[in-house]
Amino acid sequence: MLKDNLFLKIIDKKIPAHIVHEDDQCLAFYDINPQAPVHVIIIPRKVIPTHADITPEDGALLGHLHLVAAQLANQLGLADGYRLVVNCKERAGQTVPHLHLHLLGGRDMGWPPG
């Protein structure tokens, strides 16, 4: 299951995605079911099933994902604010077993989120 998830198929270009960023550590693309005017998914190339599975060795990678999120927010015109979301496991709404960040913006965000 972990070696054959939707995000790996996007990384391997087996299924199309509107990619907005790609480097040796991660890839970012528009969500096909956007929850805001701007909704980008940022995924590491390394398979980490959930946030609960991160290790100390993943620290630099996680920092990189956040730097990419900030860069994309700037490039995509979200200077007035944005939200980063990480869902951990199915009960929290994670539907793909591959750690990912949701970058959401372009509208006012409510609280609590859900």
N, C-alpha and C. Protein backbone atom coordinates (compact mmCIF):
# COMPACT_ATOMS: atom_id res chain seq x y z
N MET A 1 0.83 -1.20 0.00
CA MET A 1 0.00 0.00 0.00
C MET A 1 0.87 1.25 0.00
N LEU A 2 1.91 1.28 0.81
CA LEU A 2 2.72 2.49 0.91
C LEU A 2 3.54 2.74 -0.35
N LYS A 3 3.83 1.70 -1.09
CA LYS A 3 4.64 1.87 -2.29
C LYS A 3 3.79 2.13 -3.53
N ASP A 4 2.48 2.20 -3.34
CA ASP A 4 1.59 2.40 -4.47
C ASP A 4 0.43 3.31 -4.06
N ASN A 5 0.74 4.55 -3.69
CA ASN A 5 -0.33 5.47 -3.34
C ASN A 5 -0.47 6.55 -4.42
N LEU A 6 -1.56 7.27 -4.36
CA LEU A 6 -1.88 8.29 -5.35
C LEU A 6 -0.74 9.30 -5.52
N PHE A 7 -0.15 9.73 -4.42
CA PHE A 7 0.89 10.75 -4.51
C PHE A 7 2.16 10.21 -5.17
N LEU A 8 2.49 8.95 -4.92
CA LEU A 8 3.65 8.37 -5.62
C LEU A 8 3.39 8.30 -7.12
N LYS A 9 2.17 8.05 -7.51
CA LYS A 9 1.84 8.03 -8.94
C LYS A 9 2.00 9.42 -9.55
N ILE A 10 1.71 10.46 -8.78
CA ILE A 10 1.92 11.83 -9.27
C ILE A 10 3.42 12.12 -9.36
N ILE A 11 4.17 11.74 -8.33
CA ILE A 11 5.62 11.93 -8.35
C ILE A 11 6.24 11.22 -9.55
N ASP A 12 5.79 10.01 -9.83
CA ASP A 12 6.33 9.21 -10.93
C ASP A 12 5.73 9.59 -12.29
N LYS A 13 4.86 10.60 -12.31
CA LYS A 13 4.21 11.09 -13.53
C LYS A 13 3.35 10.01 -14.21
N LYS A 14 2.82 9.09 -13.40
CA LYS A 14 1.91 8.07 -13.93
C LYS A 14 0.49 8.59 -14.05
N ILE A 15 0.18 9.63 -13.27
CA ILE A 15 -1.09 10.33 -13.42
C ILE A 15 -0.79 11.82 -13.45
N PRO A 16 -1.58 12.58 -14.21
CA PRO A 16 -1.29 14.01 -14.36
C PRO A 16 -1.67 14.83 -13.13
N ALA A 17 -0.98 15.92 -12.97
CA ALA A 17 -1.28 16.90 -11.92
C ALA A 17 -0.78 18.26 -12.41
N HIS A 18 -1.43 19.31 -11.92
CA HIS A 18 -0.99 20.68 -12.24
C HIS A 18 0.09 21.05 -11.23
N ILE A 19 1.33 20.76 -11.58
CA ILE A 19 2.48 20.94 -10.68
C ILE A 19 2.91 22.40 -10.66
N VAL A 20 3.08 22.94 -9.46
CA VAL A 20 3.53 24.33 -9.30
C VAL A 20 4.93 24.42 -8.72
N HIS A 21 5.46 23.31 -8.23
CA HIS A 21 6.82 23.29 -7.69
C HIS A 21 7.32 21.85 -7.71
N GLU A 22 8.61 21.71 -8.05
CA GLU A 22 9.23 20.39 -8.01
C GLU A 22 10.71 20.57 -7.77
N ASP A 23 11.25 19.81 -6.82
CA ASP A 23 12.69 19.80 -6.58
C ASP A 23 13.07 18.39 -6.15
N ASP A 24 14.32 18.21 -5.70
CA ASP A 24 14.79 16.86 -5.37
C ASP A 24 14.18 16.30 -4.09
N GLN A 25 13.51 17.15 -3.27
CA GLN A 25 12.93 16.68 -2.01
C GLN A 25 11.41 16.62 -2.00
N CYS A 26 10.76 17.43 -2.85
CA CYS A 26 9.31 17.49 -2.78
C CYS A 26 8.69 17.92 -4.10
N LEU A 27 7.37 17.87 -4.10
CA LEU A 27 6.58 18.26 -5.26
C LEU A 27 5.32 18.93 -4.74
N ALA A 28 4.84 19.94 -5.44
CA ALA A 28 3.61 20.63 -5.04
C ALA A 28 2.70 20.76 -6.26
N PHE A 29 1.41 20.56 -6.03
CA PHE A 29 0.45 20.59 -7.12
C PHE A 29 -0.91 21.04 -6.60
N TYR A 30 -1.75 21.51 -7.52
CA TYR A 30 -3.09 21.94 -7.14
C TYR A 30 -3.96 20.74 -6.78
N ASP A 31 -4.73 20.89 -5.72
CA ASP A 31 -5.68 19.85 -5.29
C ASP A 31 -6.80 19.75 -6.31
N ILE A 32 -7.22 18.53 -6.63
CA ILE A 32 -8.30 18.35 -7.60
C ILE A 32 -9.68 18.62 -7.00
N ASN A 33 -9.76 18.74 -5.68
CA ASN A 33 -11.00 19.06 -4.98
C ASN A 33 -10.74 20.24 -4.05
N PRO A 34 -10.51 21.43 -4.62
CA PRO A 34 -10.06 22.57 -3.80
C PRO A 34 -11.09 23.01 -2.76
N GLN A 35 -10.57 23.35 -1.59
CA GLN A 35 -11.38 23.84 -0.49
C GLN A 35 -11.22 25.35 -0.29
N ALA A 36 -10.48 25.98 -1.19
CA ALA A 36 -10.26 27.43 -1.18
C ALA A 36 -9.86 27.82 -2.59
N PRO A 37 -9.91 29.13 -2.92
CA PRO A 37 -9.49 29.54 -4.26
C PRO A 37 -8.08 29.08 -4.62
N VAL A 38 -7.18 29.04 -3.64
CA VAL A 38 -5.86 28.45 -3.82
C VAL A 38 -5.77 27.26 -2.87
N HIS A 39 -5.54 26.08 -3.42
CA HIS A 39 -5.40 24.86 -2.60
C HIS A 39 -4.33 24.00 -3.26
N VAL A 40 -3.14 24.05 -2.68
CA VAL A 40 -1.99 23.32 -3.19
C VAL A 40 -1.60 22.25 -2.18
N ILE A 41 -1.25 21.08 -2.69
CA ILE A 41 -0.75 19.98 -1.87
C ILE A 41 0.77 19.93 -2.03
N ILE A 42 1.47 19.86 -0.90
CA ILE A 42 2.93 19.78 -0.91
C ILE A 42 3.31 18.43 -0.32
N ILE A 43 4.03 17.62 -1.10
CA ILE A 43 4.36 16.26 -0.66
C ILE A 43 5.87 16.03 -0.73
N PRO A 44 6.40 15.31 0.25
CA PRO A 44 7.80 14.90 0.14
C PRO A 44 7.92 13.74 -0.83
N ARG A 45 9.05 13.63 -1.47
CA ARG A 45 9.30 12.47 -2.32
C ARG A 45 9.46 11.21 -1.46
N LYS A 46 9.99 11.38 -0.28
CA LYS A 46 10.12 10.27 0.67
C LYS A 46 8.73 9.90 1.19
N VAL A 47 8.44 8.63 1.21
CA VAL A 47 7.15 8.19 1.75
C VAL A 47 7.22 8.16 3.27
N ILE A 48 6.42 9.02 3.88
CA ILE A 48 6.19 9.03 5.32
C ILE A 48 4.67 8.90 5.44
N PRO A 49 4.18 7.78 5.93
CA PRO A 49 2.73 7.54 5.89
C PRO A 49 1.89 8.61 6.57
N THR A 50 2.24 9.00 7.79
CA THR A 50 1.47 10.02 8.51
C THR A 50 2.43 10.92 9.29
N HIS A 51 1.90 12.01 9.80
CA HIS A 51 2.70 12.90 10.64
C HIS A 51 3.21 12.16 11.87
N ALA A 52 2.47 11.18 12.34
CA ALA A 52 2.88 10.39 13.51
C ALA A 52 4.11 9.53 13.22
N ASP A 53 4.46 9.37 11.95
CA ASP A 53 5.59 8.53 11.57
C ASP A 53 6.89 9.31 11.32
N ILE A 54 6.89 10.60 11.55
CA ILE A 54 8.12 11.36 11.33
C ILE A 54 9.17 10.98 12.38
N THR A 55 10.41 11.13 12.00
CA THR A 55 11.53 10.82 12.89
C THR A 55 12.44 12.04 12.97
N PRO A 56 13.37 12.05 13.92
CA PRO A 56 14.31 13.17 13.98
C PRO A 56 15.07 13.36 12.67
N GLU A 57 15.31 12.29 11.94
CA GLU A 57 16.02 12.39 10.66
C GLU A 57 15.21 13.14 9.60
N ASP A 58 13.91 13.28 9.81
CA ASP A 58 13.04 13.98 8.86
C ASP A 58 12.98 15.49 9.11
N GLY A 59 13.67 15.97 10.12
CA GLY A 59 13.59 17.38 10.48
C GLY A 59 13.92 18.34 9.35
N ALA A 60 15.01 18.09 8.65
CA ALA A 60 15.39 18.99 7.55
C ALA A 60 14.36 18.93 6.42
N LEU A 61 13.84 17.76 6.14
CA LEU A 61 12.82 17.61 5.10
C LEU A 61 11.55 18.38 5.48
N LEU A 62 11.13 18.26 6.71
CA LEU A 62 9.93 18.98 7.15
C LEU A 62 10.14 20.49 7.08
N GLY A 63 11.33 20.94 7.45
CA GLY A 63 11.65 22.35 7.31
C GLY A 63 11.60 22.79 5.87
N HIS A 64 12.10 21.97 4.97
CA HIS A 64 12.07 22.27 3.55
C HIS A 64 10.63 22.40 3.04
N LEU A 65 9.76 21.49 3.46
CA LEU A 65 8.35 21.57 3.05
C LEU A 65 7.73 22.89 3.47
N HIS A 66 8.05 23.36 4.66
CA HIS A 66 7.52 24.64 5.14
C HIS A 66 8.12 25.82 4.37
N LEU A 67 9.38 25.75 4.04
CA LEU A 67 9.99 26.80 3.22
C LEU A 67 9.34 26.86 1.84
N VAL A 68 9.08 25.71 1.26
CA VAL A 68 8.41 25.66 -0.04
C VAL A 68 7.00 26.25 0.09
N ALA A 69 6.30 25.92 1.16
CA ALA A 69 4.95 26.46 1.38
C ALA A 69 4.98 27.98 1.44
N ALA A 70 5.93 28.55 2.16
CA ALA A 70 6.04 30.01 2.26
C ALA A 70 6.37 30.63 0.90
N GLN A 71 7.26 30.00 0.16
CA GLN A 71 7.63 30.48 -1.18
C GLN A 71 6.41 30.44 -2.11
N LEU A 72 5.68 29.35 -2.09
CA LEU A 72 4.50 29.22 -2.95
C LEU A 72 3.41 30.22 -2.55
N ALA A 73 3.22 30.41 -1.25
CA ALA A 73 2.22 31.38 -0.80
C ALA A 73 2.54 32.76 -1.37
N ASN A 74 3.80 33.13 -1.36
CA ASN A 74 4.22 34.41 -1.92
C ASN A 74 3.98 34.44 -3.43
N GLN A 75 4.38 33.39 -4.13
CA GLN A 75 4.23 33.34 -5.59
C GLN A 75 2.77 33.33 -6.02
N LEU A 76 1.91 32.74 -5.20
CA LEU A 76 0.50 32.58 -5.57
C LEU A 76 -0.39 33.71 -5.05
N GLY A 77 0.24 34.78 -4.54
CA GLY A 77 -0.51 35.96 -4.15
C GLY A 77 -1.25 35.86 -2.83
N LEU A 78 -0.68 35.11 -1.90
CA LEU A 78 -1.35 34.93 -0.61
C LEU A 78 -0.71 35.76 0.50
N ALA A 79 -0.20 36.94 0.15
CA ALA A 79 0.48 37.79 1.13
C ALA A 79 -0.43 38.22 2.26
N ASP A 80 -1.75 38.23 2.03
CA ASP A 80 -2.68 38.66 3.08
C ASP A 80 -3.04 37.53 4.04
N GLY A 81 -2.51 36.33 3.81
CA GLY A 81 -2.71 35.23 4.75
C GLY A 81 -3.04 33.92 4.06
N TYR A 82 -2.68 32.86 4.74
CA TYR A 82 -2.94 31.52 4.23
C TYR A 82 -2.94 30.56 5.41
N ARG A 83 -3.38 29.35 5.15
CA ARG A 83 -3.42 28.31 6.17
C ARG A 83 -2.66 27.10 5.66
N LEU A 84 -1.87 26.49 6.56
CA LEU A 84 -1.23 25.20 6.28
C LEU A 84 -1.91 24.16 7.16
N VAL A 85 -2.30 23.03 6.55
CA VAL A 85 -2.99 21.97 7.27
C VAL A 85 -2.26 20.65 7.04
N VAL A 86 -2.08 19.90 8.13
CA VAL A 86 -1.57 18.54 8.05
C VAL A 86 -2.57 17.66 8.78
N ASN A 87 -3.22 16.76 8.03
CA ASN A 87 -4.13 15.81 8.64
C ASN A 87 -3.35 14.55 8.97
N CYS A 88 -3.57 14.00 10.15
CA CYS A 88 -2.83 12.81 10.58
C CYS A 88 -3.81 11.67 10.84
N LYS A 89 -3.80 10.72 9.96
CA LYS A 89 -4.61 9.50 10.00
C LYS A 89 -6.04 9.77 9.57
N GLU A 90 -6.75 8.68 9.28
CA GLU A 90 -8.09 8.77 8.69
C GLU A 90 -9.07 9.56 9.54
N ARG A 91 -9.04 9.40 10.85
CA ARG A 91 -10.00 10.09 11.71
C ARG A 91 -9.86 11.60 11.61
N ALA A 92 -8.69 12.07 11.24
CA ALA A 92 -8.45 13.51 11.09
C ALA A 92 -8.65 13.97 9.65
N GLY A 93 -9.02 13.06 8.76
CA GLY A 93 -9.28 13.44 7.38
C GLY A 93 -8.19 13.09 6.39
N GLN A 94 -7.14 12.39 6.82
CA GLN A 94 -6.08 11.99 5.89
C GLN A 94 -6.59 10.84 5.03
N THR A 95 -6.61 11.04 3.71
CA THR A 95 -7.13 10.02 2.81
C THR A 95 -6.06 9.32 1.98
N VAL A 96 -4.85 9.88 1.95
CA VAL A 96 -3.74 9.27 1.23
C VAL A 96 -2.64 8.98 2.26
N PRO A 97 -2.13 7.75 2.33
CA PRO A 97 -1.11 7.41 3.33
C PRO A 97 0.28 7.90 2.93
N HIS A 98 0.40 9.21 2.81
CA HIS A 98 1.64 9.86 2.42
C HIS A 98 1.56 11.27 3.01
N LEU A 99 2.45 11.58 3.94
CA LEU A 99 2.44 12.90 4.59
C LEU A 99 2.33 14.01 3.55
N HIS A 100 1.49 14.99 3.83
CA HIS A 100 1.36 16.12 2.91
C HIS A 100 0.83 17.34 3.64
N LEU A 101 1.17 18.50 3.11
CA LEU A 101 0.68 19.78 3.61
C LEU A 101 -0.33 20.33 2.62
N HIS A 102 -1.42 20.86 3.16
CA HIS A 102 -2.38 21.60 2.35
C HIS A 102 -2.07 23.08 2.53
N LEU A 103 -1.82 23.79 1.45
CA LEU A 103 -1.65 25.24 1.45
C LEU A 103 -2.96 25.82 0.92
N LEU A 104 -3.68 26.53 1.80
CA LEU A 104 -4.99 27.07 1.47
C LEU A 104 -4.99 28.58 1.61
N GLY A 105 -5.60 29.27 0.65
CA GLY A 105 -5.68 30.72 0.74
C GLY A 105 -6.60 31.30 -0.31
N GLY A 106 -6.68 32.61 -0.31
CA GLY A 106 -7.52 33.29 -1.28
C GLY A 106 -8.92 33.58 -0.78
N ARG A 107 -9.17 33.28 0.50
CA ARG A 107 -10.45 33.60 1.14
C ARG A 107 -10.23 33.68 2.63
N ASP A 108 -11.19 34.26 3.35
CA ASP A 108 -11.13 34.29 4.81
C ASP A 108 -11.30 32.87 5.35
N MET A 109 -10.54 32.53 6.34
CA MET A 109 -10.61 31.22 6.98
C MET A 109 -11.32 31.35 8.32
N GLY A 110 -12.22 30.45 8.61
CA GLY A 110 -12.93 30.45 9.89
C GLY A 110 -12.20 29.62 10.94
N TRP A 111 -12.65 29.79 12.18
CA TRP A 111 -12.12 29.00 13.28
C TRP A 111 -13.24 28.67 14.23
N PRO A 112 -13.38 27.48 14.72
CA PRO A 112 -12.49 26.35 14.48
C PRO A 112 -12.65 25.77 13.09
N PRO A 113 -11.61 25.10 12.59
CA PRO A 113 -11.63 24.66 11.20
C PRO A 113 -12.56 23.47 10.92
N GLY A 114 -12.89 22.66 11.91
CA GLY A 114 -13.75 21.53 11.57
C GLY A 114 -14.06 20.61 12.68
